[in-house]
């Protein structure tokens, strides 16, 4: 037992797979239906890196909870004033070089927790490919500071993801049948 969770060897393997995938790709997807342990795997990786003195911050966004303009930002056509969106603000902030002595050790992950679809994810293709550049509607470009910053997608399936998106990311699939029923009843046995 660690942190109130039952240790499951298959889930530990998935944490290691995610870590290894993120070592080779700056964008990764954790895919599987609800109840498969996607959030637990991501949070366990964060905790494990913390214990290894690699502090990790997660910036979690539900990309479908707001219009695309609130995600990326909007340029006022009359005044030409730019207003950052939720993601562009986070992305700009976490990709600034750190002044702290150990700032290059801290890992920063933007976690898109929600379905992938072409309406919002296609604007990330230039970040996900080898260019690692986010191009905003106002023409500004922000470079992703790899390996310090990574993008993670926590999705149920890839039904609406385009081949262009899927080909740019590393994948870890979690199948809830691997878990069985024990992890869901385990908290009750602790009482």
C-alpha atoms as a PDB file:
ATOM      1  CA  UNK A   1       0.000   0.000   0.000  1.00  0.00           C
ATOM      2  CA  UNK A   2       1.346   3.391  -0.957  1.00  0.00           C
ATOM      3  CA  UNK A   3      -0.555   6.641  -0.450  1.00  0.00           C
ATOM      4  CA  UNK A   4      -3.770   4.756   0.306  1.00  0.00           C
ATOM      5  CA  UNK A   5      -3.633   2.943  -3.037  1.00  0.00           C
ATOM      6  CA  UNK A   6      -3.133  -0.745  -3.621  1.00  0.00           C
ATOM      7  CA  UNK A   7       0.044  -1.444  -5.576  1.00  0.00           C
ATOM      8  CA  UNK A   8      -0.807  -3.355  -8.753  1.00  0.00           C
ATOM      9  CA  UNK A   9       2.094  -4.650 -10.853  1.00  0.00           C
ATOM     10  CA  UNK A  10       0.252  -4.056 -14.128  1.00  0.00           C
ATOM     11  CA  UNK A  11      -0.386  -0.413 -13.201  1.00  0.00           C
ATOM     12  CA  UNK A  12       3.256  -0.030 -12.126  1.00  0.00           C
ATOM     13  CA  UNK A  13       4.213  -1.296 -15.595  1.00  0.00           C
ATOM     14  CA  UNK A  14       1.963   1.371 -17.129  1.00  0.00           C
ATOM     15  CA  UNK A  15       3.663   4.087 -15.051  1.00  0.00           C
ATOM     16  CA  UNK A  16       7.033   2.869 -16.349  1.00  0.00           C
ATOM     17  CA  UNK A  17       5.678   2.741 -19.924  1.00  0.00           C
ATOM     18  CA  UNK A  18       4.438   6.324 -19.620  1.00  0.00           C
ATOM     19  CA  UNK A  19       7.798   7.463 -18.242  1.00  0.00           C
ATOM     20  CA  UNK A  20       9.694   5.728 -21.058  1.00  0.00           C
ATOM     21  CA  UNK A  21       7.295   7.098 -23.678  1.00  0.00           C
ATOM     22  CA  UNK A  22       7.784  10.617 -22.325  1.00  0.00           C
ATOM     23  CA  UNK A  23      11.563  10.189 -22.555  1.00  0.00           C
ATOM     24  CA  UNK A  24      11.286   9.745 -26.316  1.00  0.00           C
ATOM     25  CA  UNK A  25       8.252  11.978 -27.077  1.00  0.00           C
ATOM     26  CA  UNK A  26       7.310  15.420 -25.808  1.00  0.00           C
ATOM     27  CA  UNK A  27       3.630  14.615 -26.367  1.00  0.00           C
ATOM     28  CA  UNK A  28       1.986  11.453 -25.058  1.00  0.00           C
ATOM     29  CA  UNK A  29      -1.516  10.034 -24.793  1.00  0.00           C
ATOM     30  CA  UNK A  30      -2.815   7.868 -21.982  1.00  0.00           C
ATOM     31  CA  UNK A  31      -5.753   6.067 -23.574  1.00  0.00           C
ATOM     32  CA  UNK A  32      -8.421   3.849 -22.078  1.00  0.00           C
ATOM     33  CA  UNK A  33     -11.996   3.777 -20.853  1.00  0.00           C
ATOM     34  CA  UNK A  34     -13.169   5.230 -17.566  1.00  0.00           C
ATOM     35  CA  UNK A  35     -12.003   3.157 -14.629  1.00  0.00           C
ATOM     36  CA  UNK A  36      -8.792   2.030 -16.295  1.00  0.00           C
ATOM     37  CA  UNK A  37      -6.543   4.053 -13.992  1.00  0.00           C
ATOM     38  CA  UNK A  38      -5.346   6.804 -16.355  1.00  0.00           C
ATOM     39  CA  UNK A  39      -5.356   9.531 -13.704  1.00  0.00           C
ATOM     40  CA  UNK A  40      -3.740   7.225 -11.165  1.00  0.00           C
ATOM     41  CA  UNK A  41      -0.912   6.407 -13.585  1.00  0.00           C
ATOM     42  CA  UNK A  42      -0.254  10.100 -14.308  1.00  0.00           C
ATOM     43  CA  UNK A  43      -0.399  11.072 -10.623  1.00  0.00           C
ATOM     44  CA  UNK A  44       1.799   8.132  -9.640  1.00  0.00           C
ATOM     45  CA  UNK A  45       4.410   9.208 -12.188  1.00  0.00           C
ATOM     46  CA  UNK A  46       4.274  12.715 -10.732  1.00  0.00           C
ATOM     47  CA  UNK A  47       4.724  11.363  -7.189  1.00  0.00           C
ATOM     48  CA  UNK A  48       7.550   9.022  -8.204  1.00  0.00           C
ATOM     49  CA  UNK A  49       9.428  11.841  -9.942  1.00  0.00           C
ATOM     50  CA  UNK A  50       8.953  13.966  -6.821  1.00  0.00           C
ATOM     51  CA  UNK A  51      10.565  11.258  -4.701  1.00  0.00           C
ATOM     52  CA  UNK A  52      13.473  11.238  -7.166  1.00  0.00           C
ATOM     53  CA  UNK A  53      13.913  14.995  -6.648  1.00  0.00           C
ATOM     54  CA  UNK A  54      12.320  15.831  -9.992  1.00  0.00           C
ATOM     55  CA  UNK A  55       9.448  18.045  -8.854  1.00  0.00           C
ATOM     56  CA  UNK A  56       6.543  17.823 -11.274  1.00  0.00           C
ATOM     57  CA  UNK A  57       3.601  20.176 -11.784  1.00  0.00           C
ATOM     58  CA  UNK A  58       0.443  19.152 -13.599  1.00  0.00           C
ATOM     59  CA  UNK A  59      -1.681  21.796 -15.329  1.00  0.00           C
ATOM     60  CA  UNK A  60      -4.970  20.033 -16.041  1.00  0.00           C
ATOM     61  CA  UNK A  61      -7.332  21.413 -18.690  1.00  0.00           C
ATOM     62  CA  UNK A  62     -10.629  20.056 -19.959  1.00  0.00           C
ATOM     63  CA  UNK A  63     -10.319  21.248 -23.581  1.00  0.00           C
ATOM     64  CA  UNK A  64     -14.004  20.784 -24.394  1.00  0.00           C
ATOM     65  CA  UNK A  65     -15.302  22.769 -21.422  1.00  0.00           C
ATOM     66  CA  UNK A  66     -14.912  26.073 -23.266  1.00  0.00           C
ATOM     67  CA  UNK A  67     -14.834  27.400 -26.828  1.00  0.00           C
ATOM     68  CA  UNK A  68     -11.553  27.198 -28.735  1.00  0.00           C
ATOM     69  CA  UNK A  69     -11.097  30.969 -28.438  1.00  0.00           C
ATOM     70  CA  UNK A  70     -11.048  30.627 -24.636  1.00  0.00           C
ATOM     71  CA  UNK A  71      -8.498  27.822 -24.958  1.00  0.00           C
ATOM     72  CA  UNK A  72      -6.029  29.531 -27.311  1.00  0.00           C
ATOM     73  CA  UNK A  73      -6.943  33.212 -27.050  1.00  0.00           C
ATOM     74  CA  UNK A  74      -8.645  35.804 -29.187  1.00  0.00           C
ATOM     75  CA  UNK A  75      -7.578  38.848 -31.194  1.00  0.00           C
ATOM     76  CA  UNK A  76     -10.075  41.711 -31.032  1.00  0.00           C
ATOM     77  CA  UNK A  77     -10.648  42.721 -34.694  1.00  0.00           C
ATOM     78  CA  UNK A  78     -11.379  46.363 -33.812  1.00  0.00           C
ATOM     79  CA  UNK A  79      -8.667  47.190 -31.290  1.00  0.00           C
ATOM     80  CA  UNK A  80      -6.150  44.499 -32.351  1.00  0.00           C
ATOM     81  CA  UNK A  81      -5.693  43.688 -28.646  1.00  0.00           C
ATOM     82  CA  UNK A  82      -4.716  40.133 -27.871  1.00  0.00           C
ATOM     83  CA  UNK A  83      -6.259  38.236 -24.950  1.00  0.00           C
ATOM     84  CA  UNK A  84      -4.586  34.984 -23.925  1.00  0.00           C
ATOM     85  CA  UNK A  85      -6.700  31.883 -23.551  1.00  0.00           C
ATOM     86  CA  UNK A  86      -6.409  29.307 -20.781  1.00  0.00           C
ATOM     87  CA  UNK A  87      -3.925  27.071 -22.602  1.00  0.00           C
ATOM     88  CA  UNK A  88      -1.891  29.851 -24.222  1.00  0.00           C
ATOM     89  CA  UNK A  89      -1.485  31.519 -20.817  1.00  0.00           C
ATOM     90  CA  UNK A  90      -0.319  28.293 -19.150  1.00  0.00           C
ATOM     91  CA  UNK A  91       1.921  27.399 -22.109  1.00  0.00           C
ATOM     92  CA  UNK A  92       3.573  30.826 -22.125  1.00  0.00           C
ATOM     93  CA  UNK A  93       4.152  30.713 -18.355  1.00  0.00           C
ATOM     94  CA  UNK A  94       5.646  27.224 -18.142  1.00  0.00           C
ATOM     95  CA  UNK A  95       7.906  27.717 -21.152  1.00  0.00           C
ATOM     96  CA  UNK A  96       9.712  30.726 -19.696  1.00  0.00           C
ATOM     97  CA  UNK A  97      13.304  29.903 -18.757  1.00  0.00           C
ATOM     98  CA  UNK A  98      13.632  29.555 -14.994  1.00  0.00           C
ATOM     99  CA  UNK A  99      15.824  31.820 -12.885  1.00  0.00           C
ATOM    100  CA  UNK A 100      15.874  29.285 -10.076  1.00  0.00           C
ATOM    101  CA  UNK A 101      19.001  27.217  -9.566  1.00  0.00           C
ATOM    102  CA  UNK A 102      17.093  23.931  -9.834  1.00  0.00           C
ATOM    103  CA  UNK A 103      14.513  25.260 -12.295  1.00  0.00           C
ATOM    104  CA  UNK A 104      15.715  22.947 -15.045  1.00  0.00           C
ATOM    105  CA  UNK A 105      14.878  19.916 -12.900  1.00  0.00           C
ATOM    106  CA  UNK A 106      11.212  20.761 -12.449  1.00  0.00           C
ATOM    107  CA  UNK A 107       8.928  18.975 -14.906  1.00  0.00           C
ATOM    108  CA  UNK A 108       5.791  20.741 -16.129  1.00  0.00           C
ATOM    109  CA  UNK A 109       3.027  18.806 -17.829  1.00  0.00           C
ATOM    110  CA  UNK A 110      -0.103  20.180 -19.448  1.00  0.00           C
ATOM    111  CA  UNK A 111      -2.728  17.441 -19.166  1.00  0.00           C
ATOM    112  CA  UNK A 112      -5.654  17.660 -21.589  1.00  0.00           C
ATOM    113  CA  UNK A 113      -8.295  15.613 -19.788  1.00  0.00           C
ATOM    114  CA  UNK A 114     -11.056  15.028 -22.304  1.00  0.00           C
ATOM    115  CA  UNK A 115     -11.867  13.706 -25.747  1.00  0.00           C
ATOM    116  CA  UNK A 116      -9.561  14.566 -28.617  1.00  0.00           C
ATOM    117  CA  UNK A 117     -11.286  16.077 -31.616  1.00  0.00           C
ATOM    118  CA  UNK A 118     -10.231  18.076 -34.633  1.00  0.00           C
ATOM    119  CA  UNK A 119     -11.906  21.302 -33.450  1.00  0.00           C
ATOM    120  CA  UNK A 120      -9.234  22.061 -30.867  1.00  0.00           C
ATOM    121  CA  UNK A 121      -6.378  19.569 -31.253  1.00  0.00           C
ATOM    122  CA  UNK A 122      -5.359  20.424 -34.835  1.00  0.00           C
ATOM    123  CA  UNK A 123      -4.014  23.769 -33.578  1.00  0.00           C
ATOM    124  CA  UNK A 124      -1.517  21.780 -31.505  1.00  0.00           C
ATOM    125  CA  UNK A 125      -0.003  19.819 -34.401  1.00  0.00           C
ATOM    126  CA  UNK A 126       2.937  22.219 -34.726  1.00  0.00           C
ATOM    127  CA  UNK A 127       3.663  21.788 -30.997  1.00  0.00           C
ATOM    128  CA  UNK A 128       3.378  18.009 -31.211  1.00  0.00           C
ATOM    129  CA  UNK A 129       5.715  17.641 -34.193  1.00  0.00           C
ATOM    130  CA  UNK A 130       9.470  18.278 -34.208  1.00  0.00           C
ATOM    131  CA  UNK A 131       9.001  22.062 -34.528  1.00  0.00           C
ATOM    132  CA  UNK A 132       7.696  22.237 -30.931  1.00  0.00           C
ATOM    133  CA  UNK A 133       6.128  25.636 -31.673  1.00  0.00           C
ATOM    134  CA  UNK A 134       2.714  26.882 -30.616  1.00  0.00           C
ATOM    135  CA  UNK A 135       1.518  29.446 -33.156  1.00  0.00           C
ATOM    136  CA  UNK A 136      -1.230  31.638 -31.745  1.00  0.00           C
ATOM    137  CA  UNK A 137      -3.904  33.395 -33.841  1.00  0.00           C
ATOM    138  CA  UNK A 138      -2.078  36.720 -33.275  1.00  0.00           C
ATOM    139  CA  UNK A 139       1.022  35.330 -35.015  1.00  0.00           C
ATOM    140  CA  UNK A 140       3.062  34.861 -31.832  1.00  0.00           C
ATOM    141  CA  UNK A 141       5.110  31.688 -31.555  1.00  0.00           C
ATOM    142  CA  UNK A 142       6.045  30.007 -28.292  1.00  0.00           C
ATOM    143  CA  UNK A 143       8.624  27.216 -28.220  1.00  0.00           C
ATOM    144  CA  UNK A 144       8.107  24.175 -26.016  1.00  0.00           C
ATOM    145  CA  UNK A 145      11.045  23.692 -23.627  1.00  0.00           C
ATOM    146  CA  UNK A 146      11.588  19.960 -24.004  1.00  0.00           C
ATOM    147  CA  UNK A 147      12.338  17.838 -21.888  1.00  0.00           C
ATOM    148  CA  UNK A 148      11.145  20.102 -19.065  1.00  0.00           C
ATOM    149  CA  UNK A 149       7.673  20.693 -20.553  1.00  0.00           C
ATOM    150  CA  UNK A 150       5.474  17.962 -22.018  1.00  0.00           C
ATOM    151  CA  UNK A 151       1.909  17.636 -23.242  1.00  0.00           C
ATOM    152  CA  UNK A 152      -0.228  14.748 -21.994  1.00  0.00           C
ATOM    153  CA  UNK A 153      -3.641  13.712 -23.238  1.00  0.00           C
ATOM    154  CA  UNK A 154      -5.880  11.659 -20.970  1.00  0.00           C
ATOM    155  CA  UNK A 155      -8.526  10.275 -23.310  1.00  0.00           C
ATOM    156  CA  UNK A 156     -11.100   7.501 -23.422  1.00  0.00           C
ATOM    157  CA  UNK A 157     -10.634   6.712 -27.100  1.00  0.00           C
ATOM    158  CA  UNK A 158      -9.263   8.111 -30.346  1.00  0.00           C
ATOM    159  CA  UNK A 159     -12.533   8.000 -32.270  1.00  0.00           C
ATOM    160  CA  UNK A 160     -12.295  11.620 -33.456  1.00  0.00           C
ATOM    161  CA  UNK A 161      -8.506  12.016 -33.526  1.00  0.00           C
ATOM    162  CA  UNK A 162      -6.999  12.509 -36.968  1.00  0.00           C
ATOM    163  CA  UNK A 163      -4.134  10.350 -38.274  1.00  0.00           C
ATOM    164  CA  UNK A 164      -1.975  13.519 -38.254  1.00  0.00           C
ATOM    165  CA  UNK A 165      -2.504  13.884 -34.508  1.00  0.00           C
ATOM    166  CA  UNK A 166      -2.075  10.197 -33.652  1.00  0.00           C
ATOM    167  CA  UNK A 167       1.182   9.960 -35.625  1.00  0.00           C
ATOM    168  CA  UNK A 168       2.772  12.763 -33.561  1.00  0.00           C
ATOM    169  CA  UNK A 169       2.324  11.281 -30.089  1.00  0.00           C
ATOM    170  CA  UNK A 170       3.477   8.392 -27.942  1.00  0.00           C
ATOM    171  CA  UNK A 171       0.717   6.152 -26.566  1.00  0.00           C
ATOM    172  CA  UNK A 172       0.063   4.130 -23.450  1.00  0.00           C
ATOM    173  CA  UNK A 173      -3.155   2.103 -23.398  1.00  0.00           C
ATOM    174  CA  UNK A 174      -4.810   1.147 -20.106  1.00  0.00           C
ATOM    175  CA  UNK A 175      -7.346  -1.642 -20.152  1.00  0.00           C
ATOM    176  CA  UNK A 176      -9.636  -1.780 -17.098  1.00  0.00           C
ATOM    177  CA  UNK A 177      -9.856  -5.563 -17.416  1.00  0.00           C
ATOM    178  CA  UNK A 178      -6.208  -5.656 -16.314  1.00  0.00           C
ATOM    179  CA  UNK A 179      -7.259  -4.132 -12.993  1.00  0.00           C
ATOM    180  CA  UNK A 180     -10.087  -6.457 -12.115  1.00  0.00           C
ATOM    181  CA  UNK A 181     -12.339  -5.553  -9.189  1.00  0.00           C
ATOM    182  CA  UNK A 182      -9.884  -5.595  -6.256  1.00  0.00           C
ATOM    183  CA  UNK A 183      -8.562  -2.012  -6.555  1.00  0.00           C
ATOM    184  CA  UNK A 184     -12.126  -0.678  -6.417  1.00  0.00           C
ATOM    185  CA  UNK A 185     -12.970  -2.537  -3.196  1.00  0.00           C
ATOM    186  CA  UNK A 186      -9.585  -2.100  -1.539  1.00  0.00           C
ATOM    187  CA  UNK A 187     -10.394   1.179   0.272  1.00  0.00           C
ATOM    188  CA  UNK A 188     -13.308  -0.579   2.018  1.00  0.00           C
ATOM    189  CA  UNK A 189     -10.961  -3.236   3.430  1.00  0.00           C
ATOM    190  CA  UNK A 190      -8.843  -0.553   5.122  1.00  0.00           C
ATOM    191  CA  UNK A 191     -11.705   0.479   7.453  1.00  0.00           C
END
